[in-house]
Full PDB file with SEQRES, HELIX, SHEET, SSBOND, CRYST1, ORIGX, SCALE, CONECT and MASTER records, all heavy atoms in Angstrom:
SEQRES   1 A   32  VAL ILE PHE THR ILE MET GLY ALA PHE LEU SER VAL ALA          
SEQRES   2 A   32  LEU THR VAL ILE PHE VAL GLN ASN GLY ARG GLN ILE LYS          
SEQRES   3 A   32  GLN LEU GLY THR GLU MET                                      
HELIX    1 AA1 ILE A    2  GLU A   31  1                                  30    
CRYST1    1.000    1.000    1.000  90.00  90.00  90.00 P 1           1          
ORIGX1      1.000000  0.000000  0.000000        0.00000                         
ORIGX2      0.000000  1.000000  0.000000        0.00000                         
ORIGX3      0.000000  0.000000  1.000000        0.00000                         
SCALE1      1.000000  0.000000  0.000000        0.00000                         
SCALE2      0.000000  1.000000  0.000000        0.00000                         
SCALE3      0.000000  0.000000  1.000000        0.00000                         
ATOM      1  N   VAL A   1       8.671 -21.557   5.907  1.00  0.00           N  
ATOM      2  CA  VAL A   1       8.266 -21.353   4.491  1.00  0.00           C  
ATOM      3  C   VAL A   1       6.873 -20.606   4.557  1.00  0.00           C  
ATOM      4  O   VAL A   1       6.592 -19.660   3.853  1.00  0.00           O  
ATOM      5  CB  VAL A   1       8.152 -22.688   3.806  1.00  0.00           C  
ATOM      6  CG1 VAL A   1       7.309 -22.504   2.496  1.00  0.00           C  
ATOM      7  CG2 VAL A   1       9.372 -23.359   3.582  1.00  0.00           C  
ATOM      8  N   ILE A   2       6.038 -21.030   5.449  1.00  0.00           N  
ATOM      9  CA  ILE A   2       4.517 -20.444   5.596  1.00  0.00           C  
ATOM     10  C   ILE A   2       4.792 -18.995   5.959  1.00  0.00           C  
ATOM     11  O   ILE A   2       4.254 -18.037   5.426  1.00  0.00           O  
ATOM     12  CB  ILE A   2       3.741 -21.165   6.588  1.00  0.00           C  
ATOM     13  CG1 ILE A   2       3.380 -22.523   6.047  1.00  0.00           C  
ATOM     14  CG2 ILE A   2       2.525 -20.326   6.895  1.00  0.00           C  
ATOM     15  CD1 ILE A   2       2.618 -23.359   6.928  1.00  0.00           C  
ATOM     16  N   PHE A   3       5.601 -18.662   6.994  1.00  0.00           N  
ATOM     17  CA  PHE A   3       5.837 -17.227   7.448  1.00  0.00           C  
ATOM     18  C   PHE A   3       6.540 -16.463   6.268  1.00  0.00           C  
ATOM     19  O   PHE A   3       6.305 -15.275   6.140  1.00  0.00           O  
ATOM     20  CB  PHE A   3       6.592 -17.173   8.819  1.00  0.00           C  
ATOM     21  CG  PHE A   3       5.725 -17.600   9.915  1.00  0.00           C  
ATOM     22  CD1 PHE A   3       6.191 -18.679  10.801  1.00  0.00           C  
ATOM     23  CD2 PHE A   3       4.591 -17.080  10.111  1.00  0.00           C  
ATOM     24  CE1 PHE A   3       5.404 -19.006  11.909  1.00  0.00           C  
ATOM     25  CE2 PHE A   3       3.758 -17.409  11.199  1.00  0.00           C  
ATOM     26  CZ  PHE A   3       4.185 -18.397  12.081  1.00  0.00           C  
ATOM     27  N   THR A   4       7.469 -17.107   5.584  1.00  0.00           N  
ATOM     28  CA  THR A   4       8.124 -16.419   4.556  1.00  0.00           C  
ATOM     29  C   THR A   4       7.146 -15.901   3.476  1.00  0.00           C  
ATOM     30  O   THR A   4       7.135 -14.841   2.893  1.00  0.00           O  
ATOM     31  CB  THR A   4       9.237 -17.265   3.954  1.00  0.00           C  
ATOM     32  OG1 THR A   4      10.111 -17.493   4.979  1.00  0.00           O  
ATOM     33  CG2 THR A   4       9.944 -16.490   2.795  1.00  0.00           C  
ATOM     34  N   ILE A   5       6.284 -16.877   3.115  1.00  0.00           N  
ATOM     35  CA  ILE A   5       5.126 -16.643   2.059  1.00  0.00           C  
ATOM     36  C   ILE A   5       4.237 -15.536   2.580  1.00  0.00           C  
ATOM     37  O   ILE A   5       3.898 -14.599   1.855  1.00  0.00           O  
ATOM     38  CB  ILE A   5       4.454 -17.905   1.695  1.00  0.00           C  
ATOM     39  CG1 ILE A   5       5.402 -18.809   0.881  1.00  0.00           C  
ATOM     40  CG2 ILE A   5       3.278 -17.574   0.879  1.00  0.00           C  
ATOM     41  CD1 ILE A   5       4.779 -20.215   0.737  1.00  0.00           C  
ATOM     42  N   MET A   6       3.725 -15.642   3.794  1.00  0.00           N  
ATOM     43  CA  MET A   6       2.862 -14.616   4.352  1.00  0.00           C  
ATOM     44  C   MET A   6       3.598 -13.268   4.488  1.00  0.00           C  
ATOM     45  O   MET A   6       2.968 -12.306   4.188  1.00  0.00           O  
ATOM     46  CB  MET A   6       2.437 -15.033   5.751  1.00  0.00           C  
ATOM     47  CG  MET A   6       1.480 -16.187   5.810  1.00  0.00           C  
ATOM     48  SD  MET A   6       0.979 -16.694   7.538  1.00  0.00           S  
ATOM     49  CE  MET A   6       0.694 -15.179   8.376  1.00  0.00           C  
ATOM     50  N   GLY A   7       4.913 -13.294   4.846  1.00  0.00           N  
ATOM     51  CA  GLY A   7       5.611 -11.913   4.865  1.00  0.00           C  
ATOM     52  C   GLY A   7       5.640 -11.354   3.479  1.00  0.00           C  
ATOM     53  O   GLY A   7       5.489 -10.079   3.321  1.00  0.00           O  
ATOM     54  N   ALA A   8       5.948 -12.081   2.471  1.00  0.00           N  
ATOM     55  CA  ALA A   8       5.996 -11.586   1.062  1.00  0.00           C  
ATOM     56  C   ALA A   8       4.721 -11.063   0.645  1.00  0.00           C  
ATOM     57  O   ALA A   8       4.482  -9.964   0.062  1.00  0.00           O  
ATOM     58  CB  ALA A   8       6.527 -12.691   0.131  1.00  0.00           C  
ATOM     59  N   PHE A   9       3.618 -11.844   0.930  1.00  0.00           N  
ATOM     60  CA  PHE A   9       2.263 -11.426   0.555  1.00  0.00           C  
ATOM     61  C   PHE A   9       1.901 -10.153   1.209  1.00  0.00           C  
ATOM     62  O   PHE A   9       1.365  -9.106   0.729  1.00  0.00           O  
ATOM     63  CB  PHE A   9       1.222 -12.488   0.908  1.00  0.00           C  
ATOM     64  CG  PHE A   9      -0.210 -12.109   0.715  1.00  0.00           C  
ATOM     65  CD1 PHE A   9      -0.652 -11.994  -0.537  1.00  0.00           C  
ATOM     66  CD2 PHE A   9      -0.913 -11.852   1.820  1.00  0.00           C  
ATOM     67  CE1 PHE A   9      -2.001 -11.595  -0.810  1.00  0.00           C  
ATOM     68  CE2 PHE A   9      -2.329 -11.396   1.641  1.00  0.00           C  
ATOM     69  CZ  PHE A   9      -2.844 -11.309   0.312  1.00  0.00           C  
ATOM     70  N   LEU A  10       2.208 -10.016   2.583  1.00  0.00           N  
ATOM     71  CA  LEU A  10       1.801  -8.789   3.414  1.00  0.00           C  
ATOM     72  C   LEU A  10       2.621  -7.588   2.834  1.00  0.00           C  
ATOM     73  O   LEU A  10       2.077  -6.514   2.859  1.00  0.00           O  
ATOM     74  CB  LEU A  10       1.987  -9.045   4.895  1.00  0.00           C  
ATOM     75  CG  LEU A  10       0.973 -10.034   5.526  1.00  0.00           C  
ATOM     76  CD1 LEU A  10       1.337 -10.174   6.958  1.00  0.00           C  
ATOM     77  CD2 LEU A  10      -0.346  -9.379   5.500  1.00  0.00           C  
ATOM     78  N   SER A  11       3.816  -7.826   2.463  1.00  0.00           N  
ATOM     79  CA  SER A  11       4.697  -6.780   1.940  1.00  0.00           C  
ATOM     80  C   SER A  11       4.100  -6.190   0.683  1.00  0.00           C  
ATOM     81  O   SER A  11       4.008  -5.002   0.621  1.00  0.00           O  
ATOM     82  CB  SER A  11       6.086  -7.303   1.836  1.00  0.00           C  
ATOM     83  OG  SER A  11       6.980  -6.279   1.196  1.00  0.00           O  
ATOM     84  N   VAL A  12       3.734  -7.068  -0.183  1.00  0.00           N  
ATOM     85  CA  VAL A  12       3.192  -6.687  -1.452  1.00  0.00           C  
ATOM     86  C   VAL A  12       1.769  -5.931  -1.193  1.00  0.00           C  
ATOM     87  O   VAL A  12       1.586  -4.824  -1.755  1.00  0.00           O  
ATOM     88  CB  VAL A  12       2.976  -7.809  -2.462  1.00  0.00           C  
ATOM     89  CG1 VAL A  12       2.237  -7.426  -3.762  1.00  0.00           C  
ATOM     90  CG2 VAL A  12       4.285  -8.270  -2.912  1.00  0.00           C  
ATOM     91  N   ALA A  13       1.022  -6.560  -0.375  1.00  0.00           N  
ATOM     92  CA  ALA A  13      -0.320  -5.961  -0.082  1.00  0.00           C  
ATOM     93  C   ALA A  13      -0.165  -4.638   0.542  1.00  0.00           C  
ATOM     94  O   ALA A  13      -0.908  -3.646   0.119  1.00  0.00           O  
ATOM     95  CB  ALA A  13      -1.044  -6.923   0.803  1.00  0.00           C  
ATOM     96  N   LEU A  14       0.637  -4.441   1.535  1.00  0.00           N  
ATOM     97  CA  LEU A  14       0.841  -3.166   2.165  1.00  0.00           C  
ATOM     98  C   LEU A  14       1.367  -2.150   1.180  1.00  0.00           C  
ATOM     99  O   LEU A  14       1.018  -0.959   1.216  1.00  0.00           O  
ATOM    100  CB  LEU A  14       1.744  -3.287   3.451  1.00  0.00           C  
ATOM    101  CG  LEU A  14       1.031  -4.063   4.612  1.00  0.00           C  
ATOM    102  CD1 LEU A  14       1.962  -4.208   5.723  1.00  0.00           C  
ATOM    103  CD2 LEU A  14      -0.220  -3.266   5.053  1.00  0.00           C  
ATOM    104  N   THR A  15       2.260  -2.532   0.381  1.00  0.00           N  
ATOM    105  CA  THR A  15       2.911  -1.620  -0.627  1.00  0.00           C  
ATOM    106  C   THR A  15       1.761  -0.956  -1.457  1.00  0.00           C  
ATOM    107  O   THR A  15       1.684   0.205  -1.752  1.00  0.00           O  
ATOM    108  CB  THR A  15       3.959  -2.251  -1.460  1.00  0.00           C  
ATOM    109  OG1 THR A  15       5.042  -2.724  -0.620  1.00  0.00           O  
ATOM    110  CG2 THR A  15       4.528  -1.225  -2.448  1.00  0.00           C  
ATOM    111  N   VAL A  16       0.913  -1.928  -1.902  1.00  0.00           N  
ATOM    112  CA  VAL A  16      -0.171  -1.553  -2.872  1.00  0.00           C  
ATOM    113  C   VAL A  16      -1.152  -0.587  -2.166  1.00  0.00           C  
ATOM    114  O   VAL A  16      -1.564   0.504  -2.699  1.00  0.00           O  
ATOM    115  CB  VAL A  16      -0.987  -2.723  -3.363  1.00  0.00           C  
ATOM    116  CG1 VAL A  16      -2.324  -2.373  -4.006  1.00  0.00           C  
ATOM    117  CG2 VAL A  16      -0.142  -3.637  -4.293  1.00  0.00           C  
ATOM    118  N   ILE A  17      -1.459  -0.799  -0.873  1.00  0.00           N  
ATOM    119  CA  ILE A  17      -2.333  -0.008  -0.042  1.00  0.00           C  
ATOM    120  C   ILE A  17      -1.779   1.425   0.152  1.00  0.00           C  
ATOM    121  O   ILE A  17      -2.412   2.389   0.008  1.00  0.00           O  
ATOM    122  CB  ILE A  17      -2.711  -0.687   1.192  1.00  0.00           C  
ATOM    123  CG1 ILE A  17      -3.523  -1.864   0.975  1.00  0.00           C  
ATOM    124  CG2 ILE A  17      -3.338   0.329   2.241  1.00  0.00           C  
ATOM    125  CD1 ILE A  17      -3.785  -2.749   2.290  1.00  0.00           C  
ATOM    126  N   PHE A  18      -0.441   1.363   0.547  1.00  0.00           N  
ATOM    127  CA  PHE A  18       0.286   2.714   0.670  1.00  0.00           C  
ATOM    128  C   PHE A  18       0.399   3.515  -0.518  1.00  0.00           C  
ATOM    129  O   PHE A  18       0.147   4.768  -0.504  1.00  0.00           O  
ATOM    130  CB  PHE A  18       1.707   2.437   1.299  1.00  0.00           C  
ATOM    131  CG  PHE A  18       1.720   1.965   2.771  1.00  0.00           C  
ATOM    132  CD1 PHE A  18       2.555   1.165   3.258  1.00  0.00           C  
ATOM    133  CD2 PHE A  18       0.585   2.384   3.633  1.00  0.00           C  
ATOM    134  CE1 PHE A  18       2.492   0.744   4.544  1.00  0.00           C  
ATOM    135  CE2 PHE A  18       0.560   1.971   4.933  1.00  0.00           C  
ATOM    136  CZ  PHE A  18       1.577   1.172   5.422  1.00  0.00           C  
ATOM    137  N   VAL A  19       0.537   2.852  -1.743  1.00  0.00           N  
ATOM    138  CA  VAL A  19       0.595   3.490  -2.926  1.00  0.00           C  
ATOM    139  C   VAL A  19      -0.720   4.169  -3.206  1.00  0.00           C  
ATOM    140  O   VAL A  19      -0.808   5.366  -3.704  1.00  0.00           O  
ATOM    141  CB  VAL A  19       1.097   2.690  -4.109  1.00  0.00           C  
ATOM    142  CG1 VAL A  19       0.814   3.310  -5.423  1.00  0.00           C  
ATOM    143  CG2 VAL A  19       2.691   2.355  -3.896  1.00  0.00           C  
ATOM    144  N   GLN A  20      -1.796   3.422  -3.030  1.00  0.00           N  
ATOM    145  CA  GLN A  20      -3.112   3.872  -3.326  1.00  0.00           C  
ATOM    146  C   GLN A  20      -3.421   5.076  -2.408  1.00  0.00           C  
ATOM    147  O   GLN A  20      -4.114   6.085  -2.741  1.00  0.00           O  
ATOM    148  CB  GLN A  20      -4.202   2.858  -3.117  1.00  0.00           C  
ATOM    149  CG  GLN A  20      -4.236   1.865  -4.275  1.00  0.00           C  
ATOM    150  CD  GLN A  20      -5.215   0.737  -4.065  1.00  0.00           C  
ATOM    151  OE1 GLN A  20      -5.735   0.586  -3.076  1.00  0.00           O  
ATOM    152  NE2 GLN A  20      -5.349  -0.092  -5.125  1.00  0.00           N  
ATOM    153  N   ASN A  21      -2.985   4.959  -1.097  1.00  0.00           N  
ATOM    154  CA  ASN A  21      -3.274   6.087  -0.130  1.00  0.00           C  
ATOM    155  C   ASN A  21      -2.514   7.235  -0.472  1.00  0.00           C  
ATOM    156  O   ASN A  21      -3.038   8.443  -0.271  1.00  0.00           O  
ATOM    157  CB  ASN A  21      -2.922   5.518   1.282  1.00  0.00           C  
ATOM    158  CG  ASN A  21      -4.013   4.661   1.931  1.00  0.00           C  
ATOM    159  OD1 ASN A  21      -5.057   4.516   1.375  1.00  0.00           O  
ATOM    160  ND2 ASN A  21      -3.637   3.917   2.936  1.00  0.00           N  
ATOM    161  N   GLY A  22      -1.321   7.167  -1.031  1.00  0.00           N  
ATOM    162  CA  GLY A  22      -0.571   8.327  -1.403  1.00  0.00           C  
ATOM    163  C   GLY A  22      -1.246   8.952  -2.585  1.00  0.00           C  
ATOM    164  O   GLY A  22      -1.181  10.223  -2.582  1.00  0.00           O  
ATOM    165  N   ARG A  23      -1.722   8.204  -3.561  1.00  0.00           N  
ATOM    166  CA  ARG A  23      -2.462   8.844  -4.629  1.00  0.00           C  
ATOM    167  C   ARG A  23      -3.735   9.720  -4.131  1.00  0.00           C  
ATOM    168  O   ARG A  23      -4.006  10.710  -4.569  1.00  0.00           O  
ATOM    169  CB  ARG A  23      -2.843   7.837  -5.621  1.00  0.00           C  
ATOM    170  CG  ARG A  23      -1.665   7.187  -6.387  1.00  0.00           C  
ATOM    171  CD  ARG A  23      -2.369   6.196  -7.512  1.00  0.00           C  
ATOM    172  NE  ARG A  23      -1.177   5.420  -8.037  1.00  0.00           N  
ATOM    173  CZ  ARG A  23      -1.334   4.222  -8.329  1.00  0.00           C  
ATOM    174  NH1 ARG A  23      -2.366   3.570  -8.207  1.00  0.00           N  
ATOM    175  NH2 ARG A  23      -0.187   3.516  -8.864  1.00  0.00           N  
ATOM    176  N   GLN A  24      -4.424   8.890  -3.245  1.00  0.00           N  
ATOM    177  CA  GLN A  24      -5.536   9.672  -2.677  1.00  0.00           C  
ATOM    178  C   GLN A  24      -5.198  10.899  -1.906  1.00  0.00           C  
ATOM    179  O   GLN A  24      -5.947  11.914  -2.024  1.00  0.00           O  
ATOM    180  CB  GLN A  24      -6.373   8.715  -1.863  1.00  0.00           C  
ATOM    181  CG  GLN A  24      -6.969   7.466  -2.543  1.00  0.00           C  
ATOM    182  CD  GLN A  24      -7.993   7.988  -3.554  1.00  0.00           C  
ATOM    183  OE1 GLN A  24      -8.819   8.959  -3.343  1.00  0.00           O  
ATOM    184  NE2 GLN A  24      -8.084   7.303  -4.752  1.00  0.00           N  
ATOM    185  N   ILE A  25      -4.131  10.838  -1.251  1.00  0.00           N  
ATOM    186  CA  ILE A  25      -3.755  12.052  -0.422  1.00  0.00           C  
ATOM    187  C   ILE A  25      -3.261  13.092  -1.328  1.00  0.00           C  
ATOM    188  O   ILE A  25      -3.617  14.324  -1.076  1.00  0.00           O  
ATOM    189  CB  ILE A  25      -2.581  11.647   0.652  1.00  0.00           C  
ATOM    190  CG1 ILE A  25      -3.203  10.821   1.752  1.00  0.00           C  
ATOM    191  CG2 ILE A  25      -1.972  12.885   1.213  1.00  0.00           C  
ATOM    192  CD1 ILE A  25      -2.185  10.078   2.638  1.00  0.00           C  
ATOM    193  N   LYS A  26      -2.524  12.704  -2.395  1.00  0.00           N  
ATOM    194  CA  LYS A  26      -2.237  13.749  -3.305  1.00  0.00           C  
ATOM    195  C   LYS A  26      -3.344  14.462  -4.046  1.00  0.00           C  
ATOM    196  O   LYS A  26      -3.474  15.658  -4.202  1.00  0.00           O  
ATOM    197  CB  LYS A  26      -1.278  13.093  -4.417  1.00  0.00           C  
ATOM    198  CG  LYS A  26      -0.582  14.097  -5.404  1.00  0.00           C  
ATOM    199  CD  LYS A  26       0.333  13.439  -6.426  1.00  0.00           C  
ATOM    200  CE  LYS A  26       0.948  14.339  -7.367  1.00  0.00           C  
ATOM    201  NZ  LYS A  26       1.848  13.875  -8.244  1.00  0.00           N  
ATOM    202  N   GLN A  27      -4.329  13.650  -4.434  1.00  0.00           N  
ATOM    203  CA  GLN A  27      -5.571  14.109  -5.106  1.00  0.00           C  
ATOM    204  C   GLN A  27      -6.379  15.040  -4.090  1.00  0.00           C  
ATOM    205  O   GLN A  27      -6.828  16.065  -4.456  1.00  0.00           O  
ATOM    206  CB  GLN A  27      -6.428  12.867  -5.625  1.00  0.00           C  
ATOM    207  CG  GLN A  27      -7.698  13.448  -6.248  1.00  0.00           C  
ATOM    208  CD  GLN A  27      -8.471  12.243  -6.735  1.00  0.00           C  
ATOM    209  OE1 GLN A  27      -8.190  11.075  -6.417  1.00  0.00           O  
ATOM    210  NE2 GLN A  27      -9.674  12.474  -7.391  1.00  0.00           N  
ATOM    211  N   LEU A  28      -6.486  14.575  -2.904  1.00  0.00           N  
ATOM    212  CA  LEU A  28      -7.101  15.314  -1.881  1.00  0.00           C  
ATOM    213  C   LEU A  28      -6.419  16.785  -1.647  1.00  0.00           C  
ATOM    214  O   LEU A  28      -7.112  17.737  -1.528  1.00  0.00           O  
ATOM    215  CB  LEU A  28      -7.202  14.625  -0.575  1.00  0.00           C  
ATOM    216  CG  LEU A  28      -7.943  15.176   0.639  1.00  0.00           C  
ATOM    217  CD1 LEU A  28      -9.427  15.420   0.311  1.00  0.00           C  
ATOM    218  CD2 LEU A  28      -7.735  14.419   1.883  1.00  0.00           C  
ATOM    219  N   GLY A  29      -5.018  16.679  -1.669  1.00  0.00           N  
ATOM    220  CA  GLY A  29      -4.397  17.960  -1.567  1.00  0.00           C  
ATOM    221  C   GLY A  29      -4.602  18.910  -2.676  1.00  0.00           C  
ATOM    222  O   GLY A  29      -4.861  20.159  -2.420  1.00  0.00           O  
ATOM    223  N   THR A  30      -4.749  18.401  -3.956  1.00  0.00           N  
ATOM    224  CA  THR A  30      -4.987  19.272  -5.161  1.00  0.00           C  
ATOM    225  C   THR A  30      -6.419  19.830  -4.947  1.00  0.00           C  
ATOM    226  O   THR A  30      -6.716  21.021  -5.211  1.00  0.00           O  
ATOM    227  CB  THR A  30      -4.764  18.626  -6.352  1.00  0.00           C  
ATOM    228  OG1 THR A  30      -5.536  17.438  -6.432  1.00  0.00           O  
ATOM    229  CG2 THR A  30      -3.295  18.300  -6.524  1.00  0.00           C  
ATOM    230  N   GLU A  31      -7.356  19.012  -4.492  1.00  0.00           N  
ATOM    231  CA  GLU A  31      -8.784  19.414  -4.331  1.00  0.00           C  
ATOM    232  C   GLU A  31      -8.871  20.510  -3.317  1.00  0.00           C  
ATOM    233  O   GLU A  31      -9.743  21.400  -3.444  1.00  0.00           O  
ATOM    234  CB  GLU A  31      -9.572  18.234  -4.068  1.00  0.00           C  
ATOM    235  CG  GLU A  31      -9.790  17.353  -5.321  1.00  0.00           C  
ATOM    236  CD  GLU A  31     -10.463  15.963  -5.056  1.00  0.00           C  
ATOM    237  OE1 GLU A  31     -10.978  15.762  -3.770  1.00  0.00           O  
ATOM    238  OE2 GLU A  31     -10.722  15.220  -5.726  1.00  0.00           O  
ATOM    239  N   MET A  32      -8.224  20.302  -2.315  1.00  0.00           N  
ATOM    240  CA  MET A  32      -8.312  21.312  -1.234  1.00  0.00           C  
ATOM    241  C   MET A  32      -7.702  22.590  -1.672  1.00  0.00           C  
ATOM    242  O   MET A  32      -8.153  23.622  -1.276  1.00  0.00           O  
ATOM    243  CB  MET A  32      -7.499  20.792   0.151  1.00  0.00           C  
ATOM    244  CG  MET A  32      -8.163  19.651   0.774  1.00  0.00           C  
ATOM    245  SD  MET A  32      -9.865  19.996   1.414  1.00  0.00           S  
ATOM    246  CE  MET A  32      -9.373  20.989   2.815  1.00  0.00           C  
TER     247      MET A  32                                                      
MASTER        0    0    0    1    0    0    0    6  246    1    0    3          
END                                                                             
């Protein structure tokens, strides 16, 4: 149960981080 909860939390956290990084990379591309 603990590992399942940690896996779900990490999955959501990493998804948010990757989405933010994708936006930043896209913005950086337009600025360049």
